[in-house]
Amino acid sequence: MSNAKDEDDGKWTRRLSTWARTLAILGLIIAIIGVTLGRYDVVPKLVGFGGLALGGLVALVAFVLGVIGLLLGLRHRSPARGRAILAIVLSLPFVAFIATRPALSGKVPAIHDITTDLANPPAFTKLPLRADNLAGVGTVDNWRKIHAAAYGDIKTVRIARAPAQVIANAARIAKENGWEIALNDPTAGKLEATASVSFIRFHDDIAVRATSADNGTASIVDVRSVSRIGVSDMGVNAKRIRSFLAQLQGA
């Protein structure tokens, strides 16, 4: 009876380990295809990201089956445990990705338009502002309330340089950061650029405004960073503005 049970458990170990390995490879393929097609705009960015999410869910199932298969394999010393280990190794990055998303999204508000000036954000003149820019917030007042509560540290800065020099420095920094410049107008004190985020290359648009102060010897500088798609930017735009202003003030 014991031998029959061990043989039956051995079959389940092989089955689970094989399924785990197959699903882990399948999840990896789905994710790679999704993000690659999204990166090169063969499919919409969110569709490509959906491929990553789907691949992650498939990998999660593979991870669970792999753990069960490994435990059974260790118990019965089955050679199939190697398949289970491979499944766990392949699926672990996806499991970590899925596990960290709720924690990251819970730390930031579900908004995607971040600026130093809530009353009068820098306007986009070359790059179009997305038509559904109030998605997720409903009204401008609600957006301002959420923004102020989450990003009170992001404020207008004063730089002791003329607006033209500030914009020239901003353009240089933008290029160093890998942004694609759409508008560079030092005379008007304006800069617009696009940044790409992650392998899939989500696009965020940035507007910089430098207003003359102290008879032209200083500038009041405001920045705006807006994600083209999605509701929550996962805090990316705020992080970008903080980093950019720190670079600009040190230029």
Protein backbone atom coordinates (compact mmCIF):
# COMPACT_ATOMS: atom_id res chain seq x y z
CA MET A 1 0.00 0.00 0.00
CA SER A 2 2.83 2.36 0.89
CA ASN A 3 4.58 1.73 -2.42
CA ALA A 4 1.36 2.39 -4.32
CA LYS A 5 0.88 5.67 -2.46
CA ASP A 6 4.48 6.71 -3.11
CA GLU A 7 4.07 5.90 -6.79
CA ASP A 8 0.86 7.94 -6.91
CA ASP A 9 2.57 10.87 -5.16
CA GLY A 10 5.45 10.56 -7.59
CA LYS A 11 3.06 10.89 -10.51
CA TRP A 12 1.55 14.03 -8.99
CA THR A 13 5.01 15.43 -8.42
CA ARG A 14 5.89 14.94 -12.08
CA ARG A 15 2.58 16.35 -13.27
CA LEU A 16 2.67 19.42 -11.05
CA SER A 17 6.32 20.11 -11.80
CA THR A 18 5.78 19.74 -15.54
CA TRP A 19 2.73 22.00 -15.51
CA ALA A 20 4.60 24.53 -13.38
CA ARG A 21 7.54 24.61 -15.78
CA THR A 22 5.24 24.89 -18.81
CA LEU A 23 3.20 27.71 -17.30
CA ALA A 24 6.31 29.58 -16.15
CA ILE A 25 7.72 29.52 -19.68
CA LEU A 26 4.33 30.46 -21.13
CA GLY A 27 4.00 33.39 -18.72
CA LEU A 28 7.47 34.61 -19.66
CA ILE A 29 6.64 34.42 -23.37
CA ILE A 30 3.34 36.28 -22.93
CA ALA A 31 5.02 39.04 -20.91
CA ILE A 32 7.91 39.47 -23.37
CA ILE A 33 5.58 39.63 -26.36
CA GLY A 34 3.27 42.11 -24.59
CA VAL A 35 5.92 44.59 -23.49
CA THR A 36 7.83 44.35 -26.77
CA LEU A 37 4.75 45.04 -28.89
CA GLY A 38 3.85 47.90 -26.55
CA ARG A 39 7.37 49.33 -26.64
CA TYR A 40 7.30 49.64 -30.42
CA ASP A 41 3.65 50.75 -30.52
CA VAL A 42 2.49 47.70 -32.47
CA VAL A 43 -0.28 47.60 -29.86
CA PRO A 44 -1.38 50.37 -27.45
CA LYS A 45 0.87 50.80 -24.42
CA LEU A 46 -1.82 49.66 -21.97
CA VAL A 47 -2.46 46.54 -24.06
CA GLY A 48 1.25 45.76 -23.92
CA PHE A 49 1.23 46.31 -20.17
CA GLY A 50 -1.81 44.03 -19.99
CA GLY A 51 0.33 41.33 -21.60
CA LEU A 52 2.85 41.80 -18.81
CA ALA A 53 0.10 41.54 -16.20
CA LEU A 54 -1.38 38.42 -17.82
CA GLY A 55 2.05 36.83 -18.02
CA GLY A 56 2.50 37.66 -14.36
CA LEU A 57 -0.75 35.93 -13.39
CA VAL A 58 0.20 32.82 -15.37
CA ALA A 59 3.60 32.87 -13.68
CA LEU A 60 1.92 33.18 -10.28
CA VAL A 61 0.02 29.94 -10.92
CA ALA A 62 3.29 28.37 -12.06
CA PHE A 63 4.99 29.52 -8.86
CA VAL A 64 2.32 27.94 -6.65
CA LEU A 65 2.40 24.66 -8.58
CA GLY A 66 6.19 24.75 -8.55
CA VAL A 67 6.34 25.13 -4.77
CA ILE A 68 3.92 22.23 -4.29
CA GLY A 69 5.82 20.12 -6.80
CA LEU A 70 9.13 20.93 -5.11
CA LEU A 71 7.84 19.99 -1.67
CA LEU A 72 6.48 16.69 -2.96
CA GLY A 73 9.69 16.11 -4.90
CA LEU A 74 11.86 16.65 -1.84
CA ARG A 75 9.66 14.34 0.18
CA HIS A 76 9.87 11.52 -2.34
CA ARG A 77 13.26 12.39 -3.83
CA SER A 78 11.72 12.71 -7.26
CA PRO A 79 13.97 13.82 -10.13
CA ALA A 80 11.03 15.95 -11.30
CA ARG A 81 11.83 18.49 -8.62
CA GLY A 82 14.30 20.06 -11.05
CA ARG A 83 11.35 21.14 -13.20
CA ALA A 84 9.69 22.64 -10.15
CA ILE A 85 12.84 24.57 -9.26
CA LEU A 86 13.08 25.93 -12.81
CA ALA A 87 9.44 27.01 -12.65
CA ILE A 88 10.02 28.83 -9.36
CA VAL A 89 13.13 30.59 -10.66
CA LEU A 90 11.40 31.73 -13.87
CA SER A 91 8.22 32.88 -12.15
CA LEU A 92 9.70 34.50 -9.04
CA PRO A 93 10.37 37.94 -10.67
CA PHE A 94 6.75 38.10 -11.81
CA VAL A 95 5.48 37.13 -8.36
CA ALA A 96 7.62 39.89 -6.84
CA PHE A 97 6.24 42.35 -9.41
CA ILE A 98 2.63 41.44 -8.60
CA ALA A 99 3.28 41.50 -4.85
CA THR A 100 4.84 44.97 -4.85
CA ARG A 101 2.25 46.72 -7.06
CA PRO A 102 -0.39 47.19 -4.32
CA ALA A 103 2.22 48.46 -1.86
CA LEU A 104 3.58 51.00 -4.35
CA SER A 105 0.19 52.19 -5.57
CA GLY A 106 -1.04 52.58 -2.00
CA LYS A 107 1.69 55.11 -1.22
CA VAL A 108 0.74 57.60 -3.93
CA PRO A 109 -2.59 59.09 -5.08
CA ALA A 110 -4.28 57.99 -8.29
CA ILE A 111 -3.37 61.10 -10.27
CA HIS A 112 -1.07 61.62 -13.24
CA ASP A 113 -0.73 65.42 -13.62
CA ILE A 114 1.85 66.89 -11.24
CA THR A 115 2.97 70.51 -11.08
CA THR A 116 4.65 73.09 -8.89
CA ASP A 117 1.82 75.58 -9.50
CA LEU A 118 -1.68 74.27 -8.81
CA ALA A 119 -3.34 77.63 -9.45
CA ASN A 120 -1.71 78.20 -12.83
CA PRO A 121 0.14 75.12 -14.14
CA PRO A 122 2.58 75.64 -17.02
CA ALA A 123 0.58 75.27 -20.24
CA PHE A 124 1.50 72.98 -23.10
CA THR A 125 1.67 74.88 -26.38
CA LYS A 126 3.59 72.44 -28.58
CA LEU A 127 2.63 69.15 -27.00
CA PRO A 128 -1.10 68.41 -26.64
CA LEU A 129 -2.54 67.89 -23.17
CA ARG A 130 -4.48 64.60 -23.04
CA ALA A 131 -8.22 65.01 -23.57
CA ASP A 132 -9.10 62.96 -20.48
CA ASN A 133 -6.67 64.70 -18.17
CA LEU A 134 -9.21 64.73 -15.32
CA ALA A 135 -9.68 60.96 -15.48
CA GLY A 136 -9.88 59.57 -11.97
CA VAL A 137 -10.40 62.94 -10.25
CA GLY A 138 -13.49 64.37 -11.95
CA THR A 139 -12.90 68.07 -11.34
CA VAL A 140 -9.98 70.47 -11.21
CA ASP A 141 -10.77 71.34 -7.59
CA ASN A 142 -10.65 67.68 -6.59
CA TRP A 143 -7.35 67.23 -8.42
CA ARG A 144 -5.89 70.22 -6.60
CA LYS A 145 -7.06 68.88 -3.24
CA ILE A 146 -5.56 65.43 -3.84
CA HIS A 147 -2.35 66.89 -5.25
CA ALA A 148 -1.85 69.31 -2.35
CA ALA A 149 -2.35 66.57 0.22
CA ALA A 150 0.14 64.21 -1.40
CA TYR A 151 2.77 66.51 -2.88
CA GLY A 152 2.98 69.56 -0.67
CA ASP A 153 6.75 69.63 -1.12
CA ILE A 154 6.54 70.23 -4.86
CA LYS A 155 6.53 74.00 -5.17
CA THR A 156 7.62 76.88 -7.37
CA VAL A 157 11.33 77.67 -7.04
CA ARG A 158 13.30 80.87 -7.49
CA ILE A 159 16.62 80.65 -9.33
CA ALA A 160 19.11 83.52 -9.45
CA ARG A 161 19.51 83.41 -13.22
CA ALA A 162 17.74 85.10 -16.11
CA PRO A 163 14.86 83.12 -17.69
CA ALA A 164 16.77 82.54 -20.94
CA GLN A 165 19.67 81.00 -19.03
CA VAL A 166 17.33 78.88 -16.92
CA ILE A 167 15.66 77.47 -20.04
CA ALA A 168 19.04 76.86 -21.67
CA ASN A 169 20.11 74.92 -18.59
CA ALA A 170 16.77 73.10 -18.54
CA ALA A 171 17.23 72.04 -22.16
CA ARG A 172 20.71 70.71 -21.44
CA ILE A 173 19.47 68.75 -18.43
CA ALA A 174 16.53 67.41 -20.42
CA LYS A 175 18.89 66.06 -23.08
CA GLU A 176 21.13 64.53 -20.42
CA ASN A 177 18.06 62.81 -18.96
CA GLY A 178 17.17 61.38 -22.34
CA TRP A 179 14.06 63.51 -22.89
CA GLU A 180 12.91 64.39 -26.39
CA ILE A 181 12.62 68.17 -26.65
CA ALA A 182 9.54 69.46 -28.48
CA LEU A 183 9.89 73.18 -27.67
CA ASN A 184 12.93 75.15 -26.60
CA ASP A 185 12.18 78.88 -26.41
CA PRO A 186 14.57 80.72 -24.05
CA THR A 187 13.16 84.09 -25.07
CA ALA A 188 9.65 83.11 -24.00
CA GLY A 189 10.97 81.20 -21.00
CA LYS A 190 9.41 77.91 -22.10
CA LEU A 191 10.54 74.34 -22.58
CA GLU A 192 8.48 71.27 -23.47
CA ALA A 193 9.78 67.73 -23.66
CA THR A 194 8.75 64.09 -23.52
CA ALA A 195 10.24 61.44 -21.25
CA SER A 196 9.97 57.68 -21.75
CA VAL A 197 9.33 55.44 -18.75
CA SER A 198 10.31 51.76 -18.35
CA PHE A 199 11.08 49.23 -21.07
CA ILE A 200 7.62 49.63 -22.58
CA ARG A 201 8.32 53.36 -22.97
CA PHE A 202 5.25 55.01 -21.52
CA HIS A 203 5.39 58.69 -22.50
CA ASP A 204 5.17 61.58 -20.03
CA ASP A 205 5.13 65.20 -21.18
CA ILE A 206 6.97 67.95 -19.28
CA ALA A 207 6.50 71.71 -19.45
CA VAL A 208 8.96 74.16 -17.86
CA ARG A 209 8.16 77.85 -17.37
CA ALA A 210 10.67 80.51 -16.30
CA THR A 211 9.18 83.91 -15.43
CA SER A 212 11.35 86.99 -15.02
CA ALA A 213 11.94 88.34 -11.51
CA ASP A 214 14.16 91.01 -9.95
CA ASN A 215 14.40 93.01 -13.17
CA GLY A 216 15.41 89.99 -15.19
CA THR A 217 18.26 88.84 -12.97
CA ALA A 218 16.29 85.95 -11.48
CA SER A 219 13.54 83.54 -12.50
CA ILE A 220 10.42 82.06 -10.96
CA VAL A 221 10.44 78.48 -12.23
CA ASP A 222 7.49 76.11 -12.50
CA VAL A 223 7.38 72.58 -13.87
CA ARG A 224 4.56 70.28 -14.92
CA SER A 225 4.79 66.57 -15.75
CA VAL A 226 1.81 64.66 -17.16
CA SER A 227 1.42 61.00 -18.09
CA ARG A 228 -0.22 60.50 -21.47
CA ILE A 229 -2.14 57.39 -20.44
CA GLY A 230 -3.40 55.78 -17.25
CA VAL A 231 -4.93 57.22 -14.09
CA SER A 232 -2.16 56.73 -11.54
CA ASP A 233 1.45 57.49 -12.43
CA MET A 234 2.76 55.50 -9.45
CA GLY A 235 4.54 58.64 -8.24
CA VAL A 236 6.80 58.85 -11.31
CA ASN A 237 5.95 62.43 -12.28
CA ALA A 238 6.53 63.81 -8.78
CA LYS A 239 9.86 62.01 -8.57
CA ARG A 240 10.84 63.43 -11.95
CA ILE A 241 10.00 67.01 -10.97
CA ARG A 242 11.93 66.77 -7.70
CA SER A 243 14.99 65.40 -9.48
CA PHE A 244 14.79 67.90 -12.33
CA LEU A 245 14.46 70.92 -10.04
CA ALA A 246 17.39 69.73 -7.95
CA GLN A 247 19.48 69.47 -11.13
CA LEU A 248 18.28 72.85 -12.39
CA GLN A 249 19.01 74.62 -9.12
CA GLY A 250 22.50 73.16 -9.11
CA ALA A 251 23.24 74.12 -12.71
